[in-house]
N, C-alpha and C. Protein backbone atom coordinates (compact mmCIF):
# COMPACT_ATOMS: atom_id res chain seq x y z
N UNK A 1 124.73 -197.59 37.71
CA UNK A 1 125.21 -198.70 36.91
C UNK A 1 125.92 -198.21 35.64
N UNK A 2 125.39 -197.14 35.06
CA UNK A 2 126.02 -196.60 33.85
C UNK A 2 127.41 -196.08 34.16
N UNK A 3 127.58 -195.41 35.28
CA UNK A 3 128.91 -194.92 35.64
C UNK A 3 129.89 -196.08 35.83
N UNK A 4 129.45 -197.15 36.45
CA UNK A 4 130.32 -198.32 36.63
C UNK A 4 130.68 -198.93 35.27
N UNK A 5 129.68 -199.05 34.41
CA UNK A 5 129.93 -199.60 33.07
C UNK A 5 130.91 -198.71 32.31
N UNK A 6 130.70 -197.40 32.40
CA UNK A 6 131.58 -196.46 31.72
C UNK A 6 133.00 -196.54 32.26
N UNK A 7 133.14 -196.68 33.56
CA UNK A 7 134.48 -196.78 34.15
C UNK A 7 135.24 -197.96 33.56
N UNK A 8 134.57 -199.09 33.37
CA UNK A 8 135.21 -200.25 32.76
C UNK A 8 135.60 -199.96 31.31
N UNK A 9 134.70 -199.31 30.56
CA UNK A 9 134.97 -199.00 29.17
C UNK A 9 136.09 -197.98 29.03
N UNK A 10 136.07 -197.00 29.91
CA UNK A 10 137.04 -195.91 29.85
C UNK A 10 138.46 -196.43 30.02
N UNK A 11 138.62 -197.49 30.78
CA UNK A 11 139.95 -198.07 30.98
C UNK A 11 140.51 -198.65 29.68
N UNK A 12 139.62 -199.13 28.81
CA UNK A 12 140.08 -199.70 27.54
C UNK A 12 140.11 -198.67 26.42
N UNK A 13 139.34 -197.58 26.56
CA UNK A 13 139.33 -196.52 25.56
C UNK A 13 139.23 -195.17 26.25
N UNK A 14 140.38 -194.59 26.60
CA UNK A 14 140.37 -193.32 27.34
C UNK A 14 139.84 -192.13 26.55
N UNK A 15 139.54 -192.32 25.28
CA UNK A 15 138.97 -191.22 24.48
C UNK A 15 137.46 -191.10 24.67
N UNK A 16 136.84 -192.10 25.26
CA UNK A 16 135.39 -192.08 25.46
C UNK A 16 134.98 -190.95 26.39
N UNK A 17 133.80 -190.40 26.12
CA UNK A 17 133.21 -189.39 26.99
C UNK A 17 131.78 -189.81 27.27
N UNK A 18 131.33 -189.53 28.47
CA UNK A 18 129.95 -189.80 28.86
C UNK A 18 129.30 -188.46 29.18
N UNK A 19 128.23 -188.16 28.48
CA UNK A 19 127.47 -186.94 28.76
C UNK A 19 126.19 -187.36 29.47
N UNK A 20 125.99 -186.80 30.64
CA UNK A 20 124.77 -187.07 31.39
C UNK A 20 123.93 -185.81 31.30
N UNK A 21 122.84 -185.92 30.54
CA UNK A 21 121.95 -184.79 30.33
C UNK A 21 120.70 -184.96 31.18
N UNK A 22 120.19 -183.86 31.65
CA UNK A 22 119.01 -183.87 32.48
C UNK A 22 119.35 -183.45 33.89
N UNK A 23 118.31 -183.26 34.63
CA UNK A 23 118.53 -182.91 36.03
C UNK A 23 117.63 -183.80 36.88
N UNK A 24 117.69 -183.62 38.14
CA UNK A 24 116.90 -184.43 39.05
C UNK A 24 117.17 -183.99 40.47
N UNK A 25 116.93 -184.87 41.36
CA UNK A 25 117.15 -184.59 42.76
C UNK A 25 118.61 -184.19 42.97
N UNK A 26 118.85 -182.99 43.52
CA UNK A 26 120.24 -182.53 43.70
C UNK A 26 121.08 -183.49 44.55
N UNK A 27 120.48 -184.14 45.54
CA UNK A 27 121.24 -185.08 46.36
C UNK A 27 121.67 -186.29 45.54
N UNK A 28 120.79 -186.77 44.68
CA UNK A 28 121.14 -187.90 43.81
C UNK A 28 122.26 -187.50 42.86
N UNK A 29 122.13 -186.35 42.23
CA UNK A 29 123.16 -185.88 41.31
C UNK A 29 124.50 -185.73 42.01
N UNK A 30 124.50 -185.16 43.20
CA UNK A 30 125.75 -185.01 43.96
C UNK A 30 126.35 -186.38 44.27
N UNK A 31 125.52 -187.34 44.61
CA UNK A 31 126.01 -188.69 44.88
C UNK A 31 126.61 -189.33 43.64
N UNK A 32 125.99 -189.11 42.50
CA UNK A 32 126.52 -189.66 41.25
C UNK A 32 127.86 -189.01 40.89
N UNK A 33 127.96 -187.71 41.14
CA UNK A 33 129.23 -187.03 40.87
C UNK A 33 130.33 -187.56 41.79
N UNK A 34 129.99 -187.83 43.03
CA UNK A 34 130.96 -188.44 43.95
C UNK A 34 131.37 -189.83 43.46
N UNK A 35 130.39 -190.58 42.98
CA UNK A 35 130.69 -191.91 42.46
C UNK A 35 131.64 -191.83 41.26
N UNK A 36 131.41 -190.86 40.38
CA UNK A 36 132.30 -190.67 39.22
C UNK A 36 133.72 -190.37 39.69
N UNK A 37 133.85 -189.56 40.73
CA UNK A 37 135.17 -189.27 41.32
C UNK A 37 135.81 -190.55 41.85
N UNK A 38 135.04 -191.32 42.62
CA UNK A 38 135.55 -192.55 43.22
C UNK A 38 135.98 -193.56 42.16
N UNK A 39 135.26 -193.59 41.06
CA UNK A 39 135.58 -194.52 39.97
C UNK A 39 136.73 -194.01 39.10
N UNK A 40 137.14 -192.77 39.31
CA UNK A 40 138.24 -192.21 38.55
C UNK A 40 137.88 -191.74 37.16
N UNK A 41 136.60 -191.48 36.91
CA UNK A 41 136.16 -191.06 35.57
C UNK A 41 135.58 -189.65 35.55
N UNK A 42 135.64 -188.93 36.65
CA UNK A 42 135.00 -187.62 36.72
C UNK A 42 135.46 -186.68 35.61
N UNK A 43 136.71 -186.77 35.20
CA UNK A 43 137.23 -185.90 34.15
C UNK A 43 136.70 -186.23 32.77
N UNK A 44 136.06 -187.39 32.63
CA UNK A 44 135.52 -187.80 31.32
C UNK A 44 134.00 -187.83 31.29
N UNK A 45 133.39 -187.44 32.40
CA UNK A 45 131.93 -187.37 32.48
C UNK A 45 131.53 -185.90 32.47
N UNK A 46 130.68 -185.55 31.53
CA UNK A 46 130.20 -184.18 31.40
C UNK A 46 128.76 -184.12 31.88
N UNK A 47 128.47 -183.25 32.81
CA UNK A 47 127.13 -183.11 33.39
C UNK A 47 126.50 -181.87 32.76
N UNK A 48 125.68 -182.05 31.76
CA UNK A 48 125.13 -180.91 31.03
C UNK A 48 123.92 -180.29 31.72
N UNK A 49 123.28 -181.01 32.62
CA UNK A 49 122.04 -180.51 33.20
C UNK A 49 120.90 -180.63 32.20
N UNK A 50 119.83 -179.95 32.47
CA UNK A 50 118.65 -179.99 31.61
C UNK A 50 118.95 -179.27 30.30
N UNK A 51 118.68 -179.92 29.19
CA UNK A 51 118.92 -179.31 27.88
C UNK A 51 117.64 -179.36 27.05
N UNK A 52 117.50 -178.36 26.19
CA UNK A 52 116.34 -178.28 25.31
C UNK A 52 116.79 -177.80 23.94
N UNK A 53 115.86 -177.84 23.02
CA UNK A 53 116.04 -177.23 21.71
C UNK A 53 117.32 -177.56 20.98
N UNK A 54 117.98 -176.51 20.52
CA UNK A 54 119.19 -176.66 19.71
C UNK A 54 120.30 -177.37 20.46
N UNK A 55 120.43 -177.11 21.75
CA UNK A 55 121.47 -177.76 22.53
C UNK A 55 121.23 -179.28 22.60
N UNK A 56 119.96 -179.67 22.78
CA UNK A 56 119.64 -181.10 22.82
C UNK A 56 119.92 -181.74 21.47
N UNK A 57 119.49 -181.09 20.40
CA UNK A 57 119.74 -181.63 19.06
C UNK A 57 121.24 -181.75 18.79
N UNK A 58 122.02 -180.77 19.24
CA UNK A 58 123.47 -180.79 19.07
C UNK A 58 124.07 -181.99 19.80
N UNK A 59 123.67 -182.19 21.04
CA UNK A 59 124.19 -183.34 21.81
C UNK A 59 123.84 -184.66 21.14
N UNK A 60 122.59 -184.81 20.73
CA UNK A 60 122.16 -186.07 20.09
C UNK A 60 122.89 -186.29 18.77
N UNK A 61 123.15 -185.22 18.03
CA UNK A 61 123.81 -185.38 16.73
C UNK A 61 125.27 -185.80 16.88
N UNK A 62 125.85 -185.61 18.03
CA UNK A 62 127.26 -185.96 18.24
C UNK A 62 127.45 -187.24 19.05
N UNK A 63 126.36 -187.81 19.50
CA UNK A 63 126.44 -189.04 20.30
C UNK A 63 126.60 -190.26 19.39
N UNK A 64 127.20 -191.29 19.94
CA UNK A 64 127.29 -192.57 19.24
C UNK A 64 126.19 -193.51 19.67
N UNK A 65 125.82 -193.43 20.94
CA UNK A 65 124.82 -194.31 21.55
C UNK A 65 124.08 -193.51 22.61
N UNK A 66 122.83 -193.86 22.83
CA UNK A 66 122.03 -193.24 23.90
C UNK A 66 121.71 -194.34 24.91
N UNK A 67 121.86 -194.02 26.20
CA UNK A 67 121.59 -195.00 27.25
C UNK A 67 120.58 -194.43 28.24
N UNK A 68 119.56 -195.21 28.55
CA UNK A 68 118.62 -194.86 29.61
C UNK A 68 118.57 -196.03 30.59
N UNK A 69 119.41 -195.97 31.64
CA UNK A 69 119.45 -197.06 32.62
C UNK A 69 118.46 -196.81 33.74
N UNK A 70 117.21 -197.09 33.50
CA UNK A 70 116.16 -196.77 34.46
C UNK A 70 115.53 -198.03 35.04
N UNK A 71 115.34 -198.03 36.34
CA UNK A 71 114.66 -199.15 36.98
C UNK A 71 113.16 -199.10 36.69
N UNK A 72 112.63 -197.90 36.50
CA UNK A 72 111.20 -197.73 36.27
C UNK A 72 110.97 -196.44 35.49
N UNK A 73 110.64 -196.57 34.23
CA UNK A 73 110.40 -195.42 33.36
C UNK A 73 109.11 -195.69 32.62
N UNK A 74 108.07 -194.90 32.91
CA UNK A 74 106.76 -195.23 32.34
C UNK A 74 106.73 -195.21 30.82
N UNK A 75 107.47 -194.31 30.20
CA UNK A 75 107.47 -194.27 28.74
C UNK A 75 108.89 -194.06 28.23
N UNK A 76 109.50 -192.96 28.55
CA UNK A 76 110.86 -192.69 28.12
C UNK A 76 110.93 -191.77 26.92
N UNK A 77 110.42 -190.56 27.06
CA UNK A 77 110.41 -189.61 25.95
C UNK A 77 111.83 -189.33 25.45
N UNK A 78 112.81 -189.36 26.34
CA UNK A 78 114.19 -189.16 25.91
C UNK A 78 114.63 -190.26 24.94
N UNK A 79 114.12 -191.47 25.14
CA UNK A 79 114.42 -192.57 24.23
C UNK A 79 113.82 -192.27 22.85
N UNK A 80 112.62 -191.76 22.83
CA UNK A 80 111.98 -191.40 21.55
C UNK A 80 112.81 -190.34 20.83
N UNK A 81 113.29 -189.35 21.58
CA UNK A 81 114.12 -188.30 20.98
C UNK A 81 115.40 -188.89 20.40
N UNK A 82 116.01 -189.83 21.12
CA UNK A 82 117.23 -190.47 20.62
C UNK A 82 116.94 -191.31 19.38
N UNK A 83 115.83 -192.05 19.40
CA UNK A 83 115.46 -192.84 18.23
C UNK A 83 115.23 -191.94 17.03
N UNK A 84 114.52 -190.85 17.23
CA UNK A 84 114.24 -189.91 16.15
C UNK A 84 115.54 -189.33 15.58
N UNK A 85 116.54 -189.16 16.44
CA UNK A 85 117.84 -188.66 16.00
C UNK A 85 118.68 -189.73 15.32
N UNK A 86 118.17 -190.96 15.27
CA UNK A 86 118.89 -192.04 14.59
C UNK A 86 119.97 -192.70 15.43
N UNK A 87 119.82 -192.61 16.75
CA UNK A 87 120.80 -193.24 17.63
C UNK A 87 120.34 -194.63 18.06
N UNK A 88 121.25 -195.59 18.10
CA UNK A 88 120.90 -196.85 18.74
C UNK A 88 120.78 -196.58 20.24
N UNK A 89 119.89 -197.30 20.89
CA UNK A 89 119.67 -197.05 22.32
C UNK A 89 119.98 -198.30 23.13
N UNK A 90 120.44 -198.05 24.34
CA UNK A 90 120.59 -199.12 25.33
C UNK A 90 119.64 -198.74 26.45
N UNK A 91 118.66 -199.60 26.69
CA UNK A 91 117.68 -199.34 27.74
C UNK A 91 117.62 -200.56 28.65
N UNK A 92 117.08 -200.34 29.82
CA UNK A 92 116.87 -201.44 30.75
C UNK A 92 115.44 -201.93 30.62
N UNK A 93 115.21 -203.10 31.11
CA UNK A 93 113.87 -203.69 30.98
C UNK A 93 112.82 -202.87 31.72
N UNK A 94 113.23 -201.98 32.62
CA UNK A 94 112.30 -201.11 33.34
C UNK A 94 111.80 -199.94 32.52
N UNK A 95 112.34 -199.74 31.34
CA UNK A 95 111.90 -198.65 30.47
C UNK A 95 110.63 -199.09 29.73
N UNK A 96 109.63 -198.22 29.72
CA UNK A 96 108.36 -198.55 29.09
C UNK A 96 108.47 -198.90 27.61
N UNK A 97 109.50 -198.43 26.95
CA UNK A 97 109.67 -198.72 25.53
C UNK A 97 110.58 -199.92 25.26
N UNK A 98 111.02 -200.61 26.29
CA UNK A 98 111.99 -201.69 26.12
C UNK A 98 111.53 -202.75 25.12
N UNK A 99 110.30 -203.20 25.25
CA UNK A 99 109.80 -204.24 24.33
C UNK A 99 109.80 -203.74 22.90
N UNK A 100 109.46 -202.47 22.72
CA UNK A 100 109.42 -201.90 21.37
C UNK A 100 110.83 -201.77 20.80
N UNK A 101 111.77 -201.31 21.63
CA UNK A 101 113.16 -201.19 21.18
C UNK A 101 113.65 -202.55 20.69
N UNK A 102 113.38 -203.60 21.45
CA UNK A 102 113.80 -204.94 21.05
C UNK A 102 113.10 -205.37 19.76
N UNK A 103 111.80 -205.18 19.69
CA UNK A 103 111.04 -205.62 18.51
C UNK A 103 111.47 -204.86 17.25
N UNK A 104 111.79 -203.60 17.40
CA UNK A 104 112.19 -202.78 16.25
C UNK A 104 113.64 -203.01 15.85
N UNK A 105 114.42 -203.67 16.70
CA UNK A 105 115.85 -203.82 16.42
C UNK A 105 116.57 -202.48 16.51
N UNK A 106 116.09 -201.62 17.41
CA UNK A 106 116.61 -200.26 17.52
C UNK A 106 117.65 -200.08 18.60
N UNK A 107 118.00 -201.16 19.27
CA UNK A 107 118.97 -201.05 20.35
C UNK A 107 119.04 -202.35 21.13
N UNK A 108 119.58 -202.24 22.32
CA UNK A 108 119.77 -203.40 23.18
C UNK A 108 119.08 -203.16 24.51
N UNK A 109 118.30 -204.14 24.94
CA UNK A 109 117.62 -204.09 26.23
C UNK A 109 118.44 -204.93 27.20
N UNK A 110 118.78 -204.33 28.36
CA UNK A 110 119.59 -205.03 29.35
C UNK A 110 118.81 -205.20 30.64
N UNK A 111 119.40 -205.97 31.54
CA UNK A 111 118.78 -206.16 32.85
C UNK A 111 119.15 -205.04 33.83
N UNK A 112 119.97 -204.10 33.38
CA UNK A 112 120.31 -202.94 34.20
C UNK A 112 121.55 -203.09 35.04
N UNK A 113 122.20 -204.24 35.00
CA UNK A 113 123.44 -204.38 35.75
C UNK A 113 124.56 -203.66 35.00
N UNK A 114 125.58 -203.27 35.74
CA UNK A 114 126.72 -202.61 35.12
C UNK A 114 127.35 -203.50 34.06
N UNK A 115 127.41 -204.79 34.34
CA UNK A 115 128.01 -205.73 33.39
C UNK A 115 127.22 -205.79 32.09
N UNK A 116 125.90 -205.82 32.20
CA UNK A 116 125.06 -205.90 31.00
C UNK A 116 125.12 -204.60 30.20
N UNK A 117 125.13 -203.47 30.89
CA UNK A 117 125.23 -202.18 30.19
C UNK A 117 126.59 -202.08 29.50
N UNK A 118 127.65 -202.48 30.20
CA UNK A 118 128.99 -202.46 29.61
C UNK A 118 129.04 -203.35 28.38
N UNK A 119 128.47 -204.55 28.46
CA UNK A 119 128.49 -205.47 27.32
C UNK A 119 127.74 -204.87 26.13
N UNK A 120 126.60 -204.25 26.38
CA UNK A 120 125.83 -203.64 25.30
C UNK A 120 126.62 -202.50 24.66
N UNK A 121 127.21 -201.66 25.50
CA UNK A 121 128.00 -200.54 24.97
C UNK A 121 129.23 -201.03 24.22
N UNK A 122 129.88 -202.05 24.75
CA UNK A 122 131.05 -202.62 24.08
C UNK A 122 130.68 -203.11 22.69
N UNK A 123 129.57 -203.83 22.61
CA UNK A 123 129.12 -204.36 21.32
C UNK A 123 128.82 -203.23 20.33
N UNK A 124 128.08 -202.22 20.79
CA UNK A 124 127.70 -201.14 19.89
C UNK A 124 128.89 -200.26 19.49
N UNK A 125 129.74 -199.94 20.44
CA UNK A 125 130.86 -199.06 20.13
C UNK A 125 131.89 -199.73 19.23
N UNK A 126 131.95 -201.05 19.26
CA UNK A 126 132.90 -201.79 18.43
C UNK A 126 132.37 -202.08 17.02
N UNK A 127 131.10 -201.82 16.79
CA UNK A 127 130.49 -202.23 15.53
C UNK A 127 129.69 -201.08 14.93
N UNK A 128 130.35 -200.29 14.11
CA UNK A 128 129.69 -199.13 13.50
C UNK A 128 128.50 -199.53 12.63
N UNK A 129 128.62 -200.60 11.87
CA UNK A 129 127.50 -200.99 11.00
C UNK A 129 126.28 -201.39 11.83
N UNK A 130 126.49 -202.01 12.98
CA UNK A 130 125.37 -202.34 13.87
C UNK A 130 124.74 -201.07 14.42
N UNK A 131 125.58 -200.11 14.84
CA UNK A 131 125.04 -198.83 15.34
C UNK A 131 124.20 -198.14 14.28
N UNK A 132 124.71 -198.10 13.07
CA UNK A 132 123.98 -197.44 11.98
C UNK A 132 122.67 -198.18 11.70
N UNK A 133 122.72 -199.50 11.62
CA UNK A 133 121.51 -200.27 11.33
C UNK A 133 120.46 -200.09 12.42
N UNK A 134 120.88 -200.16 13.68
CA UNK A 134 119.92 -199.98 14.77
C UNK A 134 119.41 -198.55 14.81
N UNK A 135 120.28 -197.59 14.55
CA UNK A 135 119.86 -196.20 14.52
C UNK A 135 118.81 -195.94 13.45
N UNK A 136 119.04 -196.48 12.27
CA UNK A 136 118.08 -196.32 11.18
C UNK A 136 116.77 -197.04 11.48
N UNK A 137 116.85 -198.24 12.05
CA UNK A 137 115.64 -198.97 12.42
C UNK A 137 114.84 -198.17 13.44
N UNK A 138 115.53 -197.58 14.39
CA UNK A 138 114.86 -196.77 15.40
C UNK A 138 114.23 -195.52 14.81
N UNK A 139 114.94 -194.86 13.92
CA UNK A 139 114.40 -193.66 13.28
C UNK A 139 113.12 -194.00 12.50
N UNK A 140 113.18 -195.07 11.72
CA UNK A 140 111.98 -195.48 10.95
C UNK A 140 110.81 -195.80 11.88
N UNK A 141 111.08 -196.54 12.94
CA UNK A 141 110.02 -196.92 13.88
C UNK A 141 109.46 -195.70 14.59
N UNK A 142 110.32 -194.77 14.95
CA UNK A 142 109.85 -193.56 15.64
C UNK A 142 108.91 -192.76 14.74
N UNK A 143 109.26 -192.62 13.48
CA UNK A 143 108.40 -191.89 12.54
C UNK A 143 107.09 -192.65 12.32
N UNK A 144 107.21 -193.95 12.13
CA UNK A 144 106.05 -194.79 11.82
C UNK A 144 105.10 -194.93 13.01
N UNK A 145 105.65 -195.07 14.22
CA UNK A 145 104.80 -195.42 15.36
C UNK A 145 104.76 -194.42 16.50
N UNK A 146 105.69 -193.48 16.54
CA UNK A 146 105.75 -192.59 17.69
C UNK A 146 105.62 -191.11 17.36
N UNK A 147 105.47 -190.79 16.09
CA UNK A 147 105.36 -189.38 15.71
C UNK A 147 103.98 -188.83 16.09
N UNK A 148 103.87 -187.52 16.11
CA UNK A 148 102.57 -186.90 16.39
C UNK A 148 101.52 -187.34 15.37
N UNK A 149 101.94 -187.46 14.12
CA UNK A 149 101.01 -187.89 13.08
C UNK A 149 100.51 -189.30 13.35
N UNK A 150 101.43 -190.17 13.73
CA UNK A 150 101.06 -191.55 14.02
C UNK A 150 100.13 -191.65 15.22
N UNK A 151 100.46 -190.93 16.29
CA UNK A 151 99.59 -190.94 17.47
C UNK A 151 98.22 -190.36 17.14
N UNK A 152 98.22 -189.28 16.35
CA UNK A 152 96.94 -188.65 15.97
C UNK A 152 96.06 -189.62 15.19
N UNK A 153 96.66 -190.31 14.23
CA UNK A 153 95.91 -191.27 13.43
C UNK A 153 95.42 -192.42 14.31
N UNK A 154 96.26 -192.87 15.23
CA UNK A 154 95.86 -193.95 16.13
C UNK A 154 94.73 -193.54 17.05
N UNK A 155 94.80 -192.34 17.58
CA UNK A 155 93.72 -191.86 18.45
C UNK A 155 92.42 -191.68 17.67
N UNK A 156 92.53 -191.15 16.45
CA UNK A 156 91.33 -191.00 15.63
C UNK A 156 90.68 -192.35 15.38
N UNK A 157 91.48 -193.35 15.07
CA UNK A 157 90.97 -194.69 14.83
C UNK A 157 90.32 -195.26 16.10
N UNK A 158 90.98 -195.06 17.24
CA UNK A 158 90.44 -195.53 18.50
C UNK A 158 89.10 -194.88 18.81
N UNK A 159 89.03 -193.56 18.67
CA UNK A 159 87.78 -192.83 18.94
C UNK A 159 86.66 -193.26 18.00
N UNK A 160 86.99 -193.43 16.72
CA UNK A 160 85.97 -193.88 15.76
C UNK A 160 85.44 -195.26 16.13
N UNK A 161 86.33 -196.13 16.55
CA UNK A 161 85.92 -197.47 16.95
C UNK A 161 85.01 -197.43 18.18
N UNK A 162 85.37 -196.61 19.15
CA UNK A 162 84.55 -196.49 20.35
C UNK A 162 83.18 -195.90 20.02
N UNK A 163 83.18 -194.86 19.19
CA UNK A 163 81.90 -194.24 18.79
C UNK A 163 81.02 -195.20 18.02
N UNK A 164 81.64 -196.13 17.32
CA UNK A 164 80.88 -197.12 16.55
C UNK A 164 80.43 -198.29 17.42
N UNK A 165 80.76 -198.23 18.72
CA UNK A 165 80.32 -199.27 19.63
C UNK A 165 81.31 -200.40 19.81
N UNK A 166 82.47 -200.27 19.23
CA UNK A 166 83.47 -201.32 19.35
C UNK A 166 84.40 -201.08 20.53
N UNK A 167 85.22 -202.03 20.73
CA UNK A 167 86.27 -201.87 21.72
C UNK A 167 87.58 -202.09 21.00
N UNK A 168 88.49 -201.18 21.17
CA UNK A 168 89.76 -201.26 20.48
C UNK A 168 90.86 -200.75 21.41
N UNK A 169 92.06 -201.14 21.10
CA UNK A 169 93.20 -200.63 21.84
C UNK A 169 94.15 -199.98 20.87
N UNK A 170 94.79 -198.93 21.36
CA UNK A 170 95.79 -198.28 20.54
C UNK A 170 97.05 -199.14 20.52
N UNK A 171 98.06 -198.66 19.80
CA UNK A 171 99.30 -199.41 19.68
C UNK A 171 100.02 -199.59 21.00
N UNK A 172 99.68 -198.78 22.03
CA UNK A 172 100.34 -198.90 23.33
C UNK A 172 99.37 -199.36 24.41
N UNK A 173 98.31 -200.02 24.01
CA UNK A 173 97.41 -200.65 24.97
C UNK A 173 96.44 -199.73 25.67
N UNK A 174 96.25 -198.50 25.16
CA UNK A 174 95.26 -197.60 25.79
C UNK A 174 94.01 -197.51 24.97
């Protein structure tokens, strides 16, 4: 769906580039590369493969928007990394963090169709102040609620409550 959305956007702004980071099933990746060819955008899609460390930080620092078009993503650590980098995110409702992204005002949650992803990207790419505001909201939320310090404090509180005989849930329902 992201490739289809990008193909529509690329027709209106040929300067756009799509970087697909990560790896996965080689057959799926090959199929996606074929789809990019068929859509006529293969020359504007960069397949970086799995990235870590400085290379990942470099990619995130140069991105305008981060997209995770997943039908089923239990949590979405890549989304957390993008939020921490101050990027607005476009996620699908299948992403475990979708409700949080919406509540934090850190991006746009879509139904995962190419049309919805295109609309979200169009809105964000056309509005720098919205991108900045959502990026900052996401960065603040990531530090406040998703950092190691935050998780540590939440787990400590949960364990203390359990040891005291109470029942409590952490911020993510565990």
